[in-house]
C-alpha atoms as a PDB file:
ATOM      1  CA  UNK A   1     -15.590 -13.996  14.766  1.00  0.00           C
ATOM      2  CA  UNK A   2     -14.123 -11.723  12.343  1.00  0.00           C
ATOM      3  CA  UNK A   3     -13.498 -12.789   8.497  1.00  0.00           C
ATOM      4  CA  UNK A   4     -10.233 -12.141   7.776  1.00  0.00           C
ATOM      5  CA  UNK A   5     -10.333  -8.628   9.655  1.00  0.00           C
ATOM      6  CA  UNK A   6     -11.696  -7.178   6.455  1.00  0.00           C
ATOM      7  CA  UNK A   7     -12.555  -3.626   6.731  1.00  0.00           C
ATOM      8  CA  UNK A   8     -15.423  -2.827   3.822  1.00  0.00           C
ATOM      9  CA  UNK A   9     -16.347   0.530   2.558  1.00  0.00           C
ATOM     10  CA  UNK A  10     -19.586   0.567   0.254  1.00  0.00           C
ATOM     11  CA  UNK A  11     -19.698   3.843  -1.683  1.00  0.00           C
ATOM     12  CA  UNK A  12     -22.792   4.265  -3.780  1.00  0.00           C
ATOM     13  CA  UNK A  13     -25.216   7.620  -4.122  1.00  0.00           C
ATOM     14  CA  UNK A  14     -28.280   5.158  -3.375  1.00  0.00           C
ATOM     15  CA  UNK A  15     -28.407   5.454   0.285  1.00  0.00           C
ATOM     16  CA  UNK A  16     -30.292   2.688   1.024  1.00  0.00           C
ATOM     17  CA  UNK A  17     -28.821   0.382  -1.212  1.00  0.00           C
ATOM     18  CA  UNK A  18     -25.697   1.098   0.642  1.00  0.00           C
ATOM     19  CA  UNK A  19     -26.763   1.128   4.074  1.00  0.00           C
ATOM     20  CA  UNK A  20     -28.731  -2.669   3.442  1.00  0.00           C
ATOM     21  CA  UNK A  21     -25.272  -3.969   2.010  1.00  0.00           C
ATOM     22  CA  UNK A  22     -23.408  -3.046   4.639  1.00  0.00           C
ATOM     23  CA  UNK A  23     -26.072  -4.427   7.108  1.00  0.00           C
ATOM     24  CA  UNK A  24     -25.592  -7.663   4.992  1.00  0.00           C
ATOM     25  CA  UNK A  25     -22.042  -7.652   5.862  1.00  0.00           C
ATOM     26  CA  UNK A  26     -22.185  -6.833   9.049  1.00  0.00           C
ATOM     27  CA  UNK A  27     -24.627  -9.644   9.693  1.00  0.00           C
ATOM     28  CA  UNK A  28     -21.911 -11.991   8.233  1.00  0.00           C
ATOM     29  CA  UNK A  29     -19.267 -10.645  10.676  1.00  0.00           C
ATOM     30  CA  UNK A  30     -17.669  -8.110   8.618  1.00  0.00           C
ATOM     31  CA  UNK A  31     -16.308  -4.673   9.626  1.00  0.00           C
ATOM     32  CA  UNK A  32     -18.297  -2.742   7.154  1.00  0.00           C
ATOM     33  CA  UNK A  33     -19.413   0.807   6.580  1.00  0.00           C
ATOM     34  CA  UNK A  34     -20.968   2.876   4.056  1.00  0.00           C
ATOM     35  CA  UNK A  35     -20.918   6.326   2.225  1.00  0.00           C
ATOM     36  CA  UNK A  36     -22.771   7.851  -0.478  1.00  0.00           C
ATOM     37  CA  UNK A  37     -20.490   9.543  -2.950  1.00  0.00           C
ATOM     38  CA  UNK A  38     -16.778  10.041  -4.142  1.00  0.00           C
ATOM     39  CA  UNK A  39     -15.715  12.710  -2.381  1.00  0.00           C
ATOM     40  CA  UNK A  40     -16.812  11.375   1.061  1.00  0.00           C
ATOM     41  CA  UNK A  41     -15.085   7.731   0.080  1.00  0.00           C
ATOM     42  CA  UNK A  42     -11.832   9.495  -0.725  1.00  0.00           C
ATOM     43  CA  UNK A  43     -11.866  11.535   2.414  1.00  0.00           C
ATOM     44  CA  UNK A  44     -12.311   8.296   4.492  1.00  0.00           C
ATOM     45  CA  UNK A  45      -9.341   6.605   2.662  1.00  0.00           C
ATOM     46  CA  UNK A  46      -7.203   9.257   4.010  1.00  0.00           C
ATOM     47  CA  UNK A  47      -8.011   8.982   7.263  1.00  0.00           C
ATOM     48  CA  UNK A  48      -8.481   5.232   7.585  1.00  0.00           C
ATOM     49  CA  UNK A  49      -7.938   1.889   6.173  1.00  0.00           C
ATOM     50  CA  UNK A  50     -10.122  -0.646   4.505  1.00  0.00           C
ATOM     51  CA  UNK A  51      -8.944  -3.695   2.734  1.00  0.00           C
ATOM     52  CA  UNK A  52     -12.181  -3.776   0.356  1.00  0.00           C
ATOM     53  CA  UNK A  53     -14.122  -1.090  -1.225  1.00  0.00           C
ATOM     54  CA  UNK A  54     -17.043  -1.637  -3.294  1.00  0.00           C
ATOM     55  CA  UNK A  55     -18.207   1.752  -5.491  1.00  0.00           C
ATOM     56  CA  UNK A  56     -20.736   1.971  -7.826  1.00  0.00           C
ATOM     57  CA  UNK A  57     -19.790   3.209 -11.189  1.00  0.00           C
ATOM     58  CA  UNK A  58     -22.484   6.042 -11.715  1.00  0.00           C
ATOM     59  CA  UNK A  59     -22.678   8.555  -8.955  1.00  0.00           C
ATOM     60  CA  UNK A  60     -22.745  12.218  -9.324  1.00  0.00           C
ATOM     61  CA  UNK A  61     -20.227  14.575  -8.124  1.00  0.00           C
ATOM     62  CA  UNK A  62     -17.508  12.357  -8.346  1.00  0.00           C
ATOM     63  CA  UNK A  63     -18.181   9.058 -10.215  1.00  0.00           C
ATOM     64  CA  UNK A  64     -16.693   5.903  -9.877  1.00  0.00           C
ATOM     65  CA  UNK A  65     -14.115   6.066 -12.282  1.00  0.00           C
ATOM     66  CA  UNK A  66     -12.451   8.901 -10.662  1.00  0.00           C
ATOM     67  CA  UNK A  67     -12.997   8.052  -7.215  1.00  0.00           C
ATOM     68  CA  UNK A  68     -11.193   4.743  -7.906  1.00  0.00           C
ATOM     69  CA  UNK A  69      -8.297   7.006  -9.720  1.00  0.00           C
ATOM     70  CA  UNK A  70      -7.989   9.122  -6.352  1.00  0.00           C
ATOM     71  CA  UNK A  71      -8.571   5.956  -3.662  1.00  0.00           C
ATOM     72  CA  UNK A  72      -6.004   4.041  -6.354  1.00  0.00           C
ATOM     73  CA  UNK A  73      -3.236   7.181  -5.694  1.00  0.00           C
ATOM     74  CA  UNK A  74      -3.708   7.653  -1.697  1.00  0.00           C
ATOM     75  CA  UNK A  75      -3.554   3.667  -1.189  1.00  0.00           C
ATOM     76  CA  UNK A  76      -2.872   1.564  -4.452  1.00  0.00           C
ATOM     77  CA  UNK A  77      -2.869  -1.760  -2.150  1.00  0.00           C
ATOM     78  CA  UNK A  78      -6.702  -1.202  -1.651  1.00  0.00           C
ATOM     79  CA  UNK A  79      -8.683  -3.474  -3.800  1.00  0.00           C
ATOM     80  CA  UNK A  80     -11.567  -1.734  -5.502  1.00  0.00           C
ATOM     81  CA  UNK A  81     -14.287  -3.946  -6.827  1.00  0.00           C
ATOM     82  CA  UNK A  82     -16.993  -1.706  -8.986  1.00  0.00           C
ATOM     83  CA  UNK A  83     -20.558  -2.076  -9.082  1.00  0.00           C
ATOM     84  CA  UNK A  84     -22.808  -1.214 -11.895  1.00  0.00           C
ATOM     85  CA  UNK A  85     -26.127  -1.674 -13.070  1.00  0.00           C
ATOM     86  CA  UNK A  86     -25.713  -1.452 -16.780  1.00  0.00           C
ATOM     87  CA  UNK A  87     -23.857  -4.382 -18.732  1.00  0.00           C
ATOM     88  CA  UNK A  88     -22.407  -2.968 -21.806  1.00  0.00           C
ATOM     89  CA  UNK A  89     -20.636   0.428 -20.635  1.00  0.00           C
ATOM     90  CA  UNK A  90     -17.737   2.194 -21.565  1.00  0.00           C
ATOM     91  CA  UNK A  91     -17.299   3.143 -18.067  1.00  0.00           C
ATOM     92  CA  UNK A  92     -16.689  -0.615 -17.285  1.00  0.00           C
ATOM     93  CA  UNK A  93     -14.086  -0.374 -19.625  1.00  0.00           C
ATOM     94  CA  UNK A  94     -12.270   2.308 -17.894  1.00  0.00           C
ATOM     95  CA  UNK A  95     -12.926   0.640 -14.510  1.00  0.00           C
ATOM     96  CA  UNK A  96     -11.022  -2.429 -15.939  1.00  0.00           C
ATOM     97  CA  UNK A  97      -8.286  -0.284 -17.187  1.00  0.00           C
ATOM     98  CA  UNK A  98      -8.026   1.879 -14.146  1.00  0.00           C
ATOM     99  CA  UNK A  99      -7.074  -1.382 -12.191  1.00  0.00           C
ATOM    100  CA  UNK A 100     -10.745  -2.453 -10.578  1.00  0.00           C
ATOM    101  CA  UNK A 101      -9.933  -5.755  -8.661  1.00  0.00           C
ATOM    102  CA  UNK A 102     -13.615  -6.802 -10.107  1.00  0.00           C
ATOM    103  CA  UNK A 103     -16.560  -5.539 -11.655  1.00  0.00           C
ATOM    104  CA  UNK A 104     -20.113  -7.179 -10.654  1.00  0.00           C
ATOM    105  CA  UNK A 105     -23.001  -6.273 -11.493  1.00  0.00           C
ATOM    106  CA  UNK A 106     -26.546  -5.030 -10.020  1.00  0.00           C
ATOM    107  CA  UNK A 107     -28.534  -6.651  -8.940  1.00  0.00           C
ATOM    108  CA  UNK A 108     -26.036  -9.276  -7.355  1.00  0.00           C
ATOM    109  CA  UNK A 109     -26.663 -12.359  -5.635  1.00  0.00           C
ATOM    110  CA  UNK A 110     -25.309 -11.791  -2.070  1.00  0.00           C
ATOM    111  CA  UNK A 111     -24.274 -15.543  -1.612  1.00  0.00           C
ATOM    112  CA  UNK A 112     -21.727 -14.782  -4.600  1.00  0.00           C
ATOM    113  CA  UNK A 113     -20.340 -11.650  -3.124  1.00  0.00           C
ATOM    114  CA  UNK A 114     -19.910 -13.338   0.069  1.00  0.00           C
ATOM    115  CA  UNK A 115     -17.664 -16.008  -1.664  1.00  0.00           C
ATOM    116  CA  UNK A 116     -16.061 -13.136  -3.638  1.00  0.00           C
ATOM    117  CA  UNK A 117     -14.695 -11.570  -0.408  1.00  0.00           C
ATOM    118  CA  UNK A 118     -14.238 -15.133   1.412  1.00  0.00           C
ATOM    119  CA  UNK A 119     -11.915 -15.724  -1.603  1.00  0.00           C
ATOM    120  CA  UNK A 120      -9.738 -12.384  -0.917  1.00  0.00           C
END
């Protein structure tokens, strides 16, 4: 059974984290994919539709803020939830300014994240 049919993309340069998060979402009947950087995420967004993106703020090459900006230019209606392991961070404030839908802090409780998704 699909949960509201949400398609979810996990964007994190930590491949293990992204893949495990993706596996957990799939186990909860979500259509989920993972990718490992902002450039790859932007490329996927240009070619495919996702309802929700979870994007790590700190990534090499293209950080999460730049990724968020590019995604909002291409598909402004896409919900982008930023992830960070840093509690007080200038980038968190920038993410809010750039219209991130939500900020979640790692490590997070998966039940809270699933509740967030269910509420969308």
